[in-house]
């Protein structure tokens, strides 16, 4: 746990974005916990949101308290931790024998030259009554959002696509809710039936593969040849090598016998996410 403590001492500050503890040993006690920094009456604290059944509990802790709390949680309650900060992303996995494996990826971000005004803006963003926090944040360019015209190269959300930006983030919240149901010991196979222009397919891939570092293989299926060609070209340009698009009909699809998750457009406005086995 010493390596984990060092990591937490590094990221438990205003630059932390989110920590998710999941894969619970005792779901009746807590299924999942999320931690984020908040500023309350000028004091930086770390708010834990714990999910127990249909109930949600909030509690605030200092950095030192939260360090001890997370270490204890991974030793006794949860088997997985996802840590996202401005400077790095990390994953902690706990084996059945209690061995913790920590993988850290630095983002290459630097604080050098950061202005006092910019630091003040960061603190204001942590205020307890802050605006909606998106999984994909405004002002931070994401390659597929830029490629699909939702963001400009500097990360600004285009006015005409802001509803699409919010839809994508809401969709990722649904993915976040089911991520604990997906396997961690092998490739996750996902099919998106009727993917269309694939805003949500790209978002799912980015979230699971780029942010959560999951081993996935995603297939998008649609009837429109030009759409499939465009999506494959964009996936290749972005280096999304575990994402492919095929032209085909849902009723006659023979690409695989088993999938871990199926996404399909339902009633033109809703997407359903479910495990699937071919009949």
C-alpha atoms as a PDB file:
ATOM      1  CA  UNK A   1       0.000   0.000   0.000  1.00  0.00           C
ATOM      2  CA  UNK A   2       2.990   2.321   0.316  1.00  0.00           C
ATOM      3  CA  UNK A   3       3.038   2.991  -3.436  1.00  0.00           C
ATOM      4  CA  UNK A   4      -0.678   3.812  -3.321  1.00  0.00           C
ATOM      5  CA  UNK A   5      -0.122   6.233  -0.419  1.00  0.00           C
ATOM      6  CA  UNK A   6       2.563   8.037  -2.404  1.00  0.00           C
ATOM      7  CA  UNK A   7       0.201   8.317  -5.374  1.00  0.00           C
ATOM      8  CA  UNK A   8      -2.587   9.714  -3.188  1.00  0.00           C
ATOM      9  CA  UNK A   9      -0.246  12.244  -1.591  1.00  0.00           C
ATOM     10  CA  UNK A  10       0.563  13.401  -5.126  1.00  0.00           C
ATOM     11  CA  UNK A  11      -2.979  13.770  -6.471  1.00  0.00           C
ATOM     12  CA  UNK A  12      -5.136  14.670  -3.451  1.00  0.00           C
ATOM     13  CA  UNK A  13      -5.134  18.382  -4.204  1.00  0.00           C
ATOM     14  CA  UNK A  14      -7.084  20.823  -6.376  1.00  0.00           C
ATOM     15  CA  UNK A  15      -5.770  19.126  -9.547  1.00  0.00           C
ATOM     16  CA  UNK A  16      -7.614  15.893  -8.773  1.00  0.00           C
ATOM     17  CA  UNK A  17     -10.517  15.278 -11.152  1.00  0.00           C
ATOM     18  CA  UNK A  18     -12.068  12.058  -9.852  1.00  0.00           C
ATOM     19  CA  UNK A  19     -11.420   8.785  -8.069  1.00  0.00           C
ATOM     20  CA  UNK A  20     -13.750   5.802  -8.544  1.00  0.00           C
ATOM     21  CA  UNK A  21     -13.600   2.751  -6.282  1.00  0.00           C
ATOM     22  CA  UNK A  22     -15.509  -0.249  -7.622  1.00  0.00           C
ATOM     23  CA  UNK A  23     -15.759  -4.050  -7.883  1.00  0.00           C
ATOM     24  CA  UNK A  24     -17.037  -4.365  -4.334  1.00  0.00           C
ATOM     25  CA  UNK A  25     -16.346  -7.397  -2.162  1.00  0.00           C
ATOM     26  CA  UNK A  26     -19.416  -6.580  -0.068  1.00  0.00           C
ATOM     27  CA  UNK A  27     -22.080  -4.941  -2.276  1.00  0.00           C
ATOM     28  CA  UNK A  28     -24.540  -4.824   0.605  1.00  0.00           C
ATOM     29  CA  UNK A  29     -22.217  -2.353   2.349  1.00  0.00           C
ATOM     30  CA  UNK A  30     -21.249  -0.266  -0.688  1.00  0.00           C
ATOM     31  CA  UNK A  31     -21.355  -0.970  -4.414  1.00  0.00           C
ATOM     32  CA  UNK A  32     -19.197   1.938  -5.522  1.00  0.00           C
ATOM     33  CA  UNK A  33     -17.613   5.158  -4.252  1.00  0.00           C
ATOM     34  CA  UNK A  34     -16.614   8.339  -6.048  1.00  0.00           C
ATOM     35  CA  UNK A  35     -14.260  10.997  -4.689  1.00  0.00           C
ATOM     36  CA  UNK A  36     -13.830  14.529  -5.987  1.00  0.00           C
ATOM     37  CA  UNK A  37     -12.321  17.768  -4.621  1.00  0.00           C
ATOM     38  CA  UNK A  38     -14.670  20.539  -3.506  1.00  0.00           C
ATOM     39  CA  UNK A  39     -14.074  23.952  -2.001  1.00  0.00           C
ATOM     40  CA  UNK A  40     -16.332  24.667   0.979  1.00  0.00           C
ATOM     41  CA  UNK A  41     -16.017  28.038   2.706  1.00  0.00           C
ATOM     42  CA  UNK A  42     -12.530  28.434   1.292  1.00  0.00           C
ATOM     43  CA  UNK A  43     -11.308  25.022   2.482  1.00  0.00           C
ATOM     44  CA  UNK A  44     -10.316  22.290   0.038  1.00  0.00           C
ATOM     45  CA  UNK A  45     -11.841  18.950   1.051  1.00  0.00           C
ATOM     46  CA  UNK A  46     -12.558  15.666  -0.708  1.00  0.00           C
ATOM     47  CA  UNK A  47     -16.143  14.586  -1.050  1.00  0.00           C
ATOM     48  CA  UNK A  48     -16.923  10.877  -1.042  1.00  0.00           C
ATOM     49  CA  UNK A  49     -20.147   9.740  -2.687  1.00  0.00           C
ATOM     50  CA  UNK A  50     -20.975   6.192  -1.630  1.00  0.00           C
ATOM     51  CA  UNK A  51     -23.626   4.096  -3.384  1.00  0.00           C
ATOM     52  CA  UNK A  52     -25.489   1.559  -1.234  1.00  0.00           C
ATOM     53  CA  UNK A  53     -28.479  -0.059  -2.902  1.00  0.00           C
ATOM     54  CA  UNK A  54     -30.752   2.768  -4.005  1.00  0.00           C
ATOM     55  CA  UNK A  55     -29.238   5.210  -1.509  1.00  0.00           C
ATOM     56  CA  UNK A  56     -26.425   7.714  -2.018  1.00  0.00           C
ATOM     57  CA  UNK A  57     -24.349   9.112   0.858  1.00  0.00           C
ATOM     58  CA  UNK A  58     -22.028  12.150   0.825  1.00  0.00           C
ATOM     59  CA  UNK A  59     -19.219  12.826   3.296  1.00  0.00           C
ATOM     60  CA  UNK A  60     -16.249  15.210   3.241  1.00  0.00           C
ATOM     61  CA  UNK A  61     -12.672  14.454   4.373  1.00  0.00           C
ATOM     62  CA  UNK A  62      -9.273  16.114   4.506  1.00  0.00           C
ATOM     63  CA  UNK A  63      -6.513  14.856   2.195  1.00  0.00           C
ATOM     64  CA  UNK A  64      -4.895  12.905   5.047  1.00  0.00           C
ATOM     65  CA  UNK A  65      -8.190  11.340   6.098  1.00  0.00           C
ATOM     66  CA  UNK A  66      -9.040  10.451   2.509  1.00  0.00           C
ATOM     67  CA  UNK A  67      -5.637   8.824   1.960  1.00  0.00           C
ATOM     68  CA  UNK A  68      -6.222   6.464   4.892  1.00  0.00           C
ATOM     69  CA  UNK A  69      -9.828   5.894   3.843  1.00  0.00           C
ATOM     70  CA  UNK A  70      -8.966   4.893   0.262  1.00  0.00           C
ATOM     71  CA  UNK A  71      -6.159   2.562   1.378  1.00  0.00           C
ATOM     72  CA  UNK A  72      -8.525   0.857   3.820  1.00  0.00           C
ATOM     73  CA  UNK A  73     -11.284   0.652   1.208  1.00  0.00           C
ATOM     74  CA  UNK A  74      -9.018  -1.093  -1.303  1.00  0.00           C
ATOM     75  CA  UNK A  75      -7.742  -3.439   1.376  1.00  0.00           C
ATOM     76  CA  UNK A  76     -11.177  -4.417   2.684  1.00  0.00           C
ATOM     77  CA  UNK A  77     -14.057  -3.302   0.443  1.00  0.00           C
ATOM     78  CA  UNK A  78     -13.139  -2.707  -3.213  1.00  0.00           C
ATOM     79  CA  UNK A  79     -10.932  -4.499  -5.724  1.00  0.00           C
ATOM     80  CA  UNK A  80     -10.492  -1.677  -8.229  1.00  0.00           C
ATOM     81  CA  UNK A  81      -9.625   2.009  -8.161  1.00  0.00           C
ATOM     82  CA  UNK A  82      -9.508   4.513 -11.040  1.00  0.00           C
ATOM     83  CA  UNK A  83      -7.602   7.745 -10.370  1.00  0.00           C
ATOM     84  CA  UNK A  84      -7.814  10.733 -12.725  1.00  0.00           C
ATOM     85  CA  UNK A  85      -5.876  13.959 -12.177  1.00  0.00           C
ATOM     86  CA  UNK A  86      -4.611  16.699 -14.483  1.00  0.00           C
ATOM     87  CA  UNK A  87      -1.092  15.274 -14.407  1.00  0.00           C
ATOM     88  CA  UNK A  88      -1.771  11.515 -14.511  1.00  0.00           C
ATOM     89  CA  UNK A  89      -4.178   8.601 -14.722  1.00  0.00           C
ATOM     90  CA  UNK A  90      -3.799   5.468 -12.622  1.00  0.00           C
ATOM     91  CA  UNK A  91      -5.502   2.132 -12.041  1.00  0.00           C
ATOM     92  CA  UNK A  92      -5.264  -0.002  -8.909  1.00  0.00           C
ATOM     93  CA  UNK A  93      -6.318  -3.667  -9.042  1.00  0.00           C
ATOM     94  CA  UNK A  94      -6.484  -5.925  -6.006  1.00  0.00           C
ATOM     95  CA  UNK A  95      -6.200  -9.680  -6.540  1.00  0.00           C
ATOM     96  CA  UNK A  96      -8.246 -12.258  -4.640  1.00  0.00           C
ATOM     97  CA  UNK A  97      -5.173 -12.832  -2.464  1.00  0.00           C
ATOM     98  CA  UNK A  98      -5.054  -9.143  -1.586  1.00  0.00           C
ATOM     99  CA  UNK A  99      -2.092  -8.110  -3.756  1.00  0.00           C
ATOM    100  CA  UNK A 100      -2.440  -4.565  -5.089  1.00  0.00           C
ATOM    101  CA  UNK A 101      -1.100  -3.724  -8.554  1.00  0.00           C
ATOM    102  CA  UNK A 102      -0.806  -0.046  -9.467  1.00  0.00           C
ATOM    103  CA  UNK A 103      -0.396   1.244 -13.029  1.00  0.00           C
ATOM    104  CA  UNK A 104       0.296   4.954 -13.577  1.00  0.00           C
ATOM    105  CA  UNK A 105       0.276   6.922 -16.826  1.00  0.00           C
ATOM    106  CA  UNK A 106       1.593  10.489 -16.762  1.00  0.00           C
ATOM    107  CA  UNK A 107      -0.284  13.002 -18.908  1.00  0.00           C
ATOM    108  CA  UNK A 108       2.785  15.178 -19.406  1.00  0.00           C
ATOM    109  CA  UNK A 109       0.954  18.183 -18.018  1.00  0.00           C
ATOM    110  CA  UNK A 110       3.110  20.850 -16.450  1.00  0.00           C
ATOM    111  CA  UNK A 111       2.285  23.523 -13.925  1.00  0.00           C
ATOM    112  CA  UNK A 112       5.188  25.668 -15.018  1.00  0.00           C
ATOM    113  CA  UNK A 113       4.194  29.175 -15.963  1.00  0.00           C
ATOM    114  CA  UNK A 114       0.674  28.852 -14.668  1.00  0.00           C
ATOM    115  CA  UNK A 115      -0.672  32.284 -13.807  1.00  0.00           C
ATOM    116  CA  UNK A 116      -2.168  33.318 -10.478  1.00  0.00           C
ATOM    117  CA  UNK A 117      -5.395  34.178 -12.303  1.00  0.00           C
ATOM    118  CA  UNK A 118      -5.544  30.670 -13.786  1.00  0.00           C
ATOM    119  CA  UNK A 119      -5.014  29.097 -10.363  1.00  0.00           C
ATOM    120  CA  UNK A 120      -7.826  31.256  -8.988  1.00  0.00           C
ATOM    121  CA  UNK A 121     -10.128  30.027 -11.743  1.00  0.00           C
ATOM    122  CA  UNK A 122      -9.269  26.433 -10.770  1.00  0.00           C
ATOM    123  CA  UNK A 123     -10.263  27.127  -7.179  1.00  0.00           C
ATOM    124  CA  UNK A 124     -13.500  28.802  -8.208  1.00  0.00           C
ATOM    125  CA  UNK A 125     -14.356  25.731 -10.287  1.00  0.00           C
ATOM    126  CA  UNK A 126     -14.188  23.627  -7.110  1.00  0.00           C
ATOM    127  CA  UNK A 127     -16.752  25.697  -5.232  1.00  0.00           C
ATOM    128  CA  UNK A 128     -19.526  23.643  -3.678  1.00  0.00           C
ATOM    129  CA  UNK A 129     -22.165  25.237  -5.903  1.00  0.00           C
ATOM    130  CA  UNK A 130     -20.215  24.777  -9.104  1.00  0.00           C
ATOM    131  CA  UNK A 131     -21.803  24.136 -12.484  1.00  0.00           C
ATOM    132  CA  UNK A 132     -22.375  20.687 -13.975  1.00  0.00           C
ATOM    133  CA  UNK A 133     -19.246  18.517 -14.071  1.00  0.00           C
ATOM    134  CA  UNK A 134     -18.951  16.601 -17.315  1.00  0.00           C
ATOM    135  CA  UNK A 135     -16.917  13.419 -17.800  1.00  0.00           C
ATOM    136  CA  UNK A 136     -15.552  15.055 -20.958  1.00  0.00           C
ATOM    137  CA  UNK A 137     -14.911  18.624 -19.882  1.00  0.00           C
ATOM    138  CA  UNK A 138     -15.436  21.838 -21.769  1.00  0.00           C
ATOM    139  CA  UNK A 139     -12.191  23.539 -22.724  1.00  0.00           C
ATOM    140  CA  UNK A 140     -10.210  20.300 -22.953  1.00  0.00           C
ATOM    141  CA  UNK A 141      -9.899  19.081 -26.550  1.00  0.00           C
ATOM    142  CA  UNK A 142     -10.749  15.423 -27.125  1.00  0.00           C
ATOM    143  CA  UNK A 143      -9.561  14.009 -30.448  1.00  0.00           C
ATOM    144  CA  UNK A 144     -12.813  12.334 -31.526  1.00  0.00           C
ATOM    145  CA  UNK A 145     -14.933  15.366 -30.519  1.00  0.00           C
ATOM    146  CA  UNK A 146     -12.704  17.569 -32.652  1.00  0.00           C
ATOM    147  CA  UNK A 147     -12.847  15.044 -35.501  1.00  0.00           C
ATOM    148  CA  UNK A 148     -16.657  14.971 -35.368  1.00  0.00           C
ATOM    149  CA  UNK A 149     -16.966  18.761 -35.217  1.00  0.00           C
ATOM    150  CA  UNK A 150     -18.316  18.910 -31.651  1.00  0.00           C
ATOM    151  CA  UNK A 151     -15.217  20.766 -30.413  1.00  0.00           C
ATOM    152  CA  UNK A 152     -12.808  23.197 -31.994  1.00  0.00           C
ATOM    153  CA  UNK A 153      -9.090  22.247 -31.854  1.00  0.00           C
ATOM    154  CA  UNK A 154      -8.661  24.361 -28.705  1.00  0.00           C
ATOM    155  CA  UNK A 155     -11.421  22.451 -26.886  1.00  0.00           C
ATOM    156  CA  UNK A 156     -14.276  24.925 -27.232  1.00  0.00           C
ATOM    157  CA  UNK A 157     -17.659  23.257 -27.769  1.00  0.00           C
ATOM    158  CA  UNK A 158     -19.240  24.583 -30.959  1.00  0.00           C
ATOM    159  CA  UNK A 159     -22.524  26.378 -30.327  1.00  0.00           C
ATOM    160  CA  UNK A 160     -24.497  24.251 -32.773  1.00  0.00           C
ATOM    161  CA  UNK A 161     -23.259  21.012 -31.156  1.00  0.00           C
ATOM    162  CA  UNK A 162     -23.610  21.823 -27.452  1.00  0.00           C
ATOM    163  CA  UNK A 163     -26.721  19.636 -27.107  1.00  0.00           C
ATOM    164  CA  UNK A 164     -24.740  16.798 -28.687  1.00  0.00           C
ATOM    165  CA  UNK A 165     -21.888  17.440 -26.219  1.00  0.00           C
ATOM    166  CA  UNK A 166     -24.292  17.139 -23.293  1.00  0.00           C
ATOM    167  CA  UNK A 167     -25.884  14.015 -24.793  1.00  0.00           C
ATOM    168  CA  UNK A 168     -22.471  12.371 -25.130  1.00  0.00           C
ATOM    169  CA  UNK A 169     -21.620  13.110 -21.495  1.00  0.00           C
ATOM    170  CA  UNK A 170     -24.998  11.848 -20.298  1.00  0.00           C
ATOM    171  CA  UNK A 171     -24.463   8.671 -22.313  1.00  0.00           C
ATOM    172  CA  UNK A 172     -21.049   8.169 -20.690  1.00  0.00           C
ATOM    173  CA  UNK A 173     -22.716   8.340 -17.278  1.00  0.00           C
ATOM    174  CA  UNK A 174     -24.793   5.300 -18.320  1.00  0.00           C
ATOM    175  CA  UNK A 175     -21.604   3.524 -19.409  1.00  0.00           C
ATOM    176  CA  UNK A 176     -20.015   4.442 -16.089  1.00  0.00           C
ATOM    177  CA  UNK A 177     -22.945   2.846 -14.254  1.00  0.00           C
ATOM    178  CA  UNK A 178     -22.468  -0.550 -15.955  1.00  0.00           C
ATOM    179  CA  UNK A 179     -18.667  -0.649 -16.141  1.00  0.00           C
ATOM    180  CA  UNK A 180     -18.430  -2.886 -13.065  1.00  0.00           C
ATOM    181  CA  UNK A 181     -20.426  -5.550 -14.925  1.00  0.00           C
ATOM    182  CA  UNK A 182     -17.805  -5.846 -17.671  1.00  0.00           C
ATOM    183  CA  UNK A 183     -15.011  -8.456 -17.481  1.00  0.00           C
ATOM    184  CA  UNK A 184     -11.534  -7.360 -16.389  1.00  0.00           C
ATOM    185  CA  UNK A 185      -9.596 -10.525 -17.251  1.00  0.00           C
ATOM    186  CA  UNK A 186     -10.034 -10.539 -21.037  1.00  0.00           C
ATOM    187  CA  UNK A 187     -11.020  -8.455 -24.041  1.00  0.00           C
ATOM    188  CA  UNK A 188     -14.460  -6.826 -23.701  1.00  0.00           C
ATOM    189  CA  UNK A 189     -16.458  -7.309 -26.906  1.00  0.00           C
ATOM    190  CA  UNK A 190     -19.035  -4.612 -27.652  1.00  0.00           C
ATOM    191  CA  UNK A 191     -21.438  -4.204 -30.586  1.00  0.00           C
ATOM    192  CA  UNK A 192     -23.300  -0.995 -31.462  1.00  0.00           C
ATOM    193  CA  UNK A 193     -26.264  -1.899 -33.666  1.00  0.00           C
ATOM    194  CA  UNK A 194     -27.468   1.008 -35.821  1.00  0.00           C
ATOM    195  CA  UNK A 195     -24.500   3.206 -34.892  1.00  0.00           C
ATOM    196  CA  UNK A 196     -25.313   5.949 -37.423  1.00  0.00           C
ATOM    197  CA  UNK A 197     -22.791   8.803 -37.388  1.00  0.00           C
ATOM    198  CA  UNK A 198     -21.312   7.153 -34.276  1.00  0.00           C
ATOM    199  CA  UNK A 199     -20.905  10.098 -31.922  1.00  0.00           C
ATOM    200  CA  UNK A 200     -21.795   7.785 -29.039  1.00  0.00           C
ATOM    201  CA  UNK A 201     -19.775   4.856 -30.366  1.00  0.00           C
ATOM    202  CA  UNK A 202     -16.620   6.961 -30.457  1.00  0.00           C
ATOM    203  CA  UNK A 203     -17.456   8.338 -27.006  1.00  0.00           C
ATOM    204  CA  UNK A 204     -17.860   4.820 -25.579  1.00  0.00           C
ATOM    205  CA  UNK A 205     -14.557   3.728 -27.096  1.00  0.00           C
ATOM    206  CA  UNK A 206     -12.717   6.801 -25.812  1.00  0.00           C
ATOM    207  CA  UNK A 207     -14.125   6.444 -22.301  1.00  0.00           C
ATOM    208  CA  UNK A 208     -13.506   2.706 -21.930  1.00  0.00           C
ATOM    209  CA  UNK A 209     -10.192   2.408 -23.799  1.00  0.00           C
ATOM    210  CA  UNK A 210      -8.490   5.801 -23.440  1.00  0.00           C
ATOM    211  CA  UNK A 211      -9.751   6.905 -20.013  1.00  0.00           C
ATOM    212  CA  UNK A 212     -10.475   3.627 -18.218  1.00  0.00           C
ATOM    213  CA  UNK A 213      -7.680   1.687 -19.995  1.00  0.00           C
ATOM    214  CA  UNK A 214      -9.940  -1.315 -20.628  1.00  0.00           C
ATOM    215  CA  UNK A 215      -9.052  -3.953 -23.211  1.00  0.00           C
ATOM    216  CA  UNK A 216     -11.959  -3.646 -25.636  1.00  0.00           C
ATOM    217  CA  UNK A 217     -13.029  -4.503 -29.169  1.00  0.00           C
ATOM    218  CA  UNK A 218     -15.932  -2.393 -30.475  1.00  0.00           C
ATOM    219  CA  UNK A 219     -17.904  -2.998 -33.665  1.00  0.00           C
ATOM    220  CA  UNK A 220     -20.359  -0.451 -35.068  1.00  0.00           C
ATOM    221  CA  UNK A 221     -22.995  -1.751 -37.483  1.00  0.00           C
ATOM    222  CA  UNK A 222     -25.127   0.346 -39.817  1.00  0.00           C
ATOM    223  CA  UNK A 223     -26.822   0.087 -43.229  1.00  0.00           C
ATOM    224  CA  UNK A 224     -25.385   3.307 -44.707  1.00  0.00           C
ATOM    225  CA  UNK A 225     -22.227   2.668 -46.713  1.00  0.00           C
ATOM    226  CA  UNK A 226     -21.039   6.291 -46.729  1.00  0.00           C
ATOM    227  CA  UNK A 227     -21.458   6.575 -42.953  1.00  0.00           C
ATOM    228  CA  UNK A 228     -19.510   3.361 -42.353  1.00  0.00           C
ATOM    229  CA  UNK A 229     -16.715   4.532 -44.648  1.00  0.00           C
ATOM    230  CA  UNK A 230     -16.471   7.919 -42.912  1.00  0.00           C
ATOM    231  CA  UNK A 231     -16.428   6.335 -39.417  1.00  0.00           C
ATOM    232  CA  UNK A 232     -13.712   3.848 -40.374  1.00  0.00           C
ATOM    233  CA  UNK A 233     -11.614   6.656 -41.839  1.00  0.00           C
ATOM    234  CA  UNK A 234     -11.961   8.713 -38.657  1.00  0.00           C
ATOM    235  CA  UNK A 235     -11.162   5.718 -36.420  1.00  0.00           C
ATOM    236  CA  UNK A 236      -8.033   5.026 -38.463  1.00  0.00           C
ATOM    237  CA  UNK A 237      -6.996   8.679 -38.363  1.00  0.00           C
ATOM    238  CA  UNK A 238      -7.392   8.766 -34.574  1.00  0.00           C
ATOM    239  CA  UNK A 239      -5.488   5.504 -34.081  1.00  0.00           C
ATOM    240  CA  UNK A 240      -8.547   3.772 -32.577  1.00  0.00           C
ATOM    241  CA  UNK A 241      -7.354   0.353 -33.701  1.00  0.00           C
ATOM    242  CA  UNK A 242      -9.839  -1.608 -31.544  1.00  0.00           C
ATOM    243  CA  UNK A 243     -12.810   0.134 -33.144  1.00  0.00           C
ATOM    244  CA  UNK A 244     -14.228  -0.890 -36.515  1.00  0.00           C
ATOM    245  CA  UNK A 245     -17.407  -0.252 -38.464  1.00  0.00           C
ATOM    246  CA  UNK A 246     -19.242  -2.673 -40.734  1.00  0.00           C
ATOM    247  CA  UNK A 247     -22.172  -2.349 -43.101  1.00  0.00           C
ATOM    248  CA  UNK A 248     -24.901  -4.791 -42.166  1.00  0.00           C
ATOM    249  CA  UNK A 249     -28.394  -5.493 -40.888  1.00  0.00           C
ATOM    250  CA  UNK A 250     -29.100  -6.285 -37.246  1.00  0.00           C
ATOM    251  CA  UNK A 251     -31.412  -9.190 -38.114  1.00  0.00           C
ATOM    252  CA  UNK A 252     -28.819 -10.987 -40.229  1.00  0.00           C
ATOM    253  CA  UNK A 253     -25.609 -10.052 -38.417  1.00  0.00           C
ATOM    254  CA  UNK A 254     -23.236 -13.042 -38.143  1.00  0.00           C
ATOM    255  CA  UNK A 255     -20.076 -11.290 -36.968  1.00  0.00           C
ATOM    256  CA  UNK A 256     -19.887 -12.938 -33.538  1.00  0.00           C
ATOM    257  CA  UNK A 257     -21.660 -15.499 -31.375  1.00  0.00           C
ATOM    258  CA  UNK A 258     -21.140 -13.731 -28.048  1.00  0.00           C
ATOM    259  CA  UNK A 259     -20.799 -10.108 -26.924  1.00  0.00           C
ATOM    260  CA  UNK A 260     -20.283  -8.622 -23.457  1.00  0.00           C
ATOM    261  CA  UNK A 261     -22.357  -5.533 -24.207  1.00  0.00           C
ATOM    262  CA  UNK A 262     -24.762  -4.491 -26.936  1.00  0.00           C
ATOM    263  CA  UNK A 263     -25.824  -0.906 -27.601  1.00  0.00           C
ATOM    264  CA  UNK A 264     -28.776  -0.237 -29.894  1.00  0.00           C
ATOM    265  CA  UNK A 265     -30.850   2.774 -30.881  1.00  0.00           C
ATOM    266  CA  UNK A 266     -34.344   2.452 -29.436  1.00  0.00           C
ATOM    267  CA  UNK A 267     -37.358   4.480 -30.568  1.00  0.00           C
ATOM    268  CA  UNK A 268     -35.000   6.933 -32.298  1.00  0.00           C
ATOM    269  CA  UNK A 269     -34.199   8.831 -29.084  1.00  0.00           C
ATOM    270  CA  UNK A 270     -32.919   6.346 -26.493  1.00  0.00           C
ATOM    271  CA  UNK A 271     -29.953   4.030 -26.463  1.00  0.00           C
ATOM    272  CA  UNK A 272     -30.157   0.789 -24.566  1.00  0.00           C
ATOM    273  CA  UNK A 273     -27.115  -0.885 -23.065  1.00  0.00           C
ATOM    274  CA  UNK A 274     -27.325  -4.577 -22.228  1.00  0.00           C
ATOM    275  CA  UNK A 275     -25.383  -7.837 -22.095  1.00  0.00           C
ATOM    276  CA  UNK A 276     -26.081 -10.034 -25.105  1.00  0.00           C
ATOM    277  CA  UNK A 277     -25.727 -13.601 -26.268  1.00  0.00           C
ATOM    278  CA  UNK A 278     -26.659 -14.594 -29.795  1.00  0.00           C
ATOM    279  CA  UNK A 279     -29.705 -16.856 -30.002  1.00  0.00           C
END
